[in-house]
Amino acid sequence: MAQRGTNAAQLAKAAGMNATAVYDILSGKSRNPRLDTIHKIARELGVTVQHLLREKSDDKLRDDISAVLDSLPDEDRRRLLVTAQAWIAQK
């Protein structure tokens, strides 16, 4: 929501939802929101449902990997990419 410059109340209004429902989802009070509710929120935020359901630890891991890659010279990044692709192909 911060990246989109919106808040929970604005998101709820744009999605045609009750603001309390959005607040409950964000706070964890609503532990199993309906899939159609998640679709509405994702659509209004311009993201996928998968993005919303991803664990925060996944974001941290992606950020850490990106930081490491950014610190490498281009040639090392290329070698790492080739190695990772070969590793994936073996699975």
Protein backbone atom coordinates (compact mmCIF):
# COMPACT_ATOMS: atom_id res chain seq x y z
CA MET A 1 0.00 0.00 0.00
CA ALA A 2 2.86 2.37 0.79
CA GLN A 3 4.32 1.85 -2.69
CA ARG A 4 0.94 2.75 -4.18
CA GLY A 5 0.51 5.77 -1.89
CA THR A 6 -2.68 4.49 -0.33
CA ASN A 7 -3.91 3.37 3.06
CA ALA A 8 -6.27 0.65 4.26
CA ALA A 9 -9.36 2.88 4.22
CA GLN A 10 -8.69 4.09 0.67
CA LEU A 11 -7.95 0.55 -0.48
CA ALA A 12 -11.17 -0.74 1.03
CA LYS A 13 -13.20 2.00 -0.64
CA ALA A 14 -11.58 1.39 -4.05
CA ALA A 15 -12.17 -2.36 -3.72
CA GLY A 16 -15.79 -1.88 -2.65
CA MET A 17 -15.13 -3.38 0.76
CA ASN A 18 -15.69 -2.49 4.35
CA ALA A 19 -12.60 -0.80 5.83
CA THR A 20 -12.83 -3.03 8.90
CA ALA A 21 -12.37 -6.10 6.70
CA VAL A 22 -9.12 -4.71 5.29
CA TYR A 23 -7.88 -3.69 8.74
CA ASP A 24 -8.71 -7.16 10.09
CA ILE A 25 -6.76 -8.84 7.27
CA LEU A 26 -3.75 -6.56 7.77
CA SER A 27 -3.69 -7.07 11.52
CA GLY A 28 -4.06 -10.83 11.26
CA LYS A 29 -7.40 -10.79 13.04
CA SER A 30 -9.02 -12.24 9.91
CA ARG A 31 -6.96 -15.42 9.64
CA ASN A 32 -8.70 -16.94 6.61
CA PRO A 33 -10.05 -14.20 4.35
CA ARG A 34 -12.12 -15.32 1.39
CA LEU A 35 -10.28 -15.72 -1.89
CA ASP A 36 -12.53 -13.24 -3.67
CA THR A 37 -11.62 -10.67 -1.02
CA ILE A 38 -7.92 -11.26 -1.63
CA HIS A 39 -8.55 -10.94 -5.40
CA LYS A 40 -10.22 -7.55 -4.88
CA ILE A 41 -7.34 -6.28 -2.78
CA ALA A 42 -4.72 -7.58 -5.22
CA ARG A 43 -6.53 -6.02 -8.18
CA GLU A 44 -6.69 -2.62 -6.51
CA LEU A 45 -3.01 -2.78 -5.54
CA GLY A 46 -2.00 -3.92 -9.02
CA VAL A 47 -0.32 -7.09 -7.75
CA THR A 48 -1.00 -10.79 -7.99
CA VAL A 49 -2.73 -12.83 -5.32
CA GLN A 50 0.49 -14.83 -5.02
CA HIS A 51 2.35 -11.63 -4.20
CA LEU A 52 -0.05 -10.89 -1.36
CA LEU A 53 0.16 -14.41 0.03
CA ARG A 54 3.94 -14.62 -0.09
CA GLU A 55 5.72 -14.86 3.23
CA LYS A 56 7.57 -11.75 4.35
CA SER A 57 10.66 -13.90 4.83
CA ASP A 58 10.56 -14.52 1.04
CA ASP A 59 10.86 -10.77 0.49
CA LYS A 60 13.81 -10.56 2.88
CA LEU A 61 15.54 -13.44 1.12
CA ARG A 62 14.98 -11.84 -2.29
CA ASP A 63 16.34 -8.53 -0.97
CA ASP A 64 19.42 -10.28 0.45
CA ILE A 65 20.06 -12.12 -2.81
CA SER A 66 19.65 -8.90 -4.80
CA ALA A 67 22.09 -7.07 -2.53
CA VAL A 68 24.70 -9.80 -2.97
CA LEU A 69 24.23 -9.83 -6.75
CA ASP A 70 24.43 -6.05 -6.91
CA SER A 71 27.78 -6.16 -5.12
CA LEU A 72 29.33 -8.52 -7.68
CA PRO A 73 31.08 -7.49 -10.88
CA ASP A 74 29.16 -8.29 -14.09
CA GLU A 75 31.37 -11.25 -14.99
CA ASP A 76 30.84 -12.86 -11.57
CA ARG A 77 27.07 -12.36 -11.90
CA ARG A 78 27.13 -14.09 -15.28
CA ARG A 79 29.11 -17.04 -13.87
CA LEU A 80 26.75 -17.29 -10.92
CA LEU A 81 23.75 -17.27 -13.26
CA VAL A 82 25.22 -20.06 -15.40
CA THR A 83 25.96 -22.07 -12.25
CA ALA A 84 22.45 -21.56 -10.88
CA GLN A 85 20.88 -22.55 -14.20
CA ALA A 86 22.97 -25.71 -14.35
CA TRP A 87 22.04 -26.54 -10.76
CA ILE A 88 18.33 -26.11 -11.52
CA ALA A 89 18.62 -28.26 -14.66
CA GLN A 90 20.01 -31.13 -12.56
CA LYS A 91 16.93 -31.27 -10.36
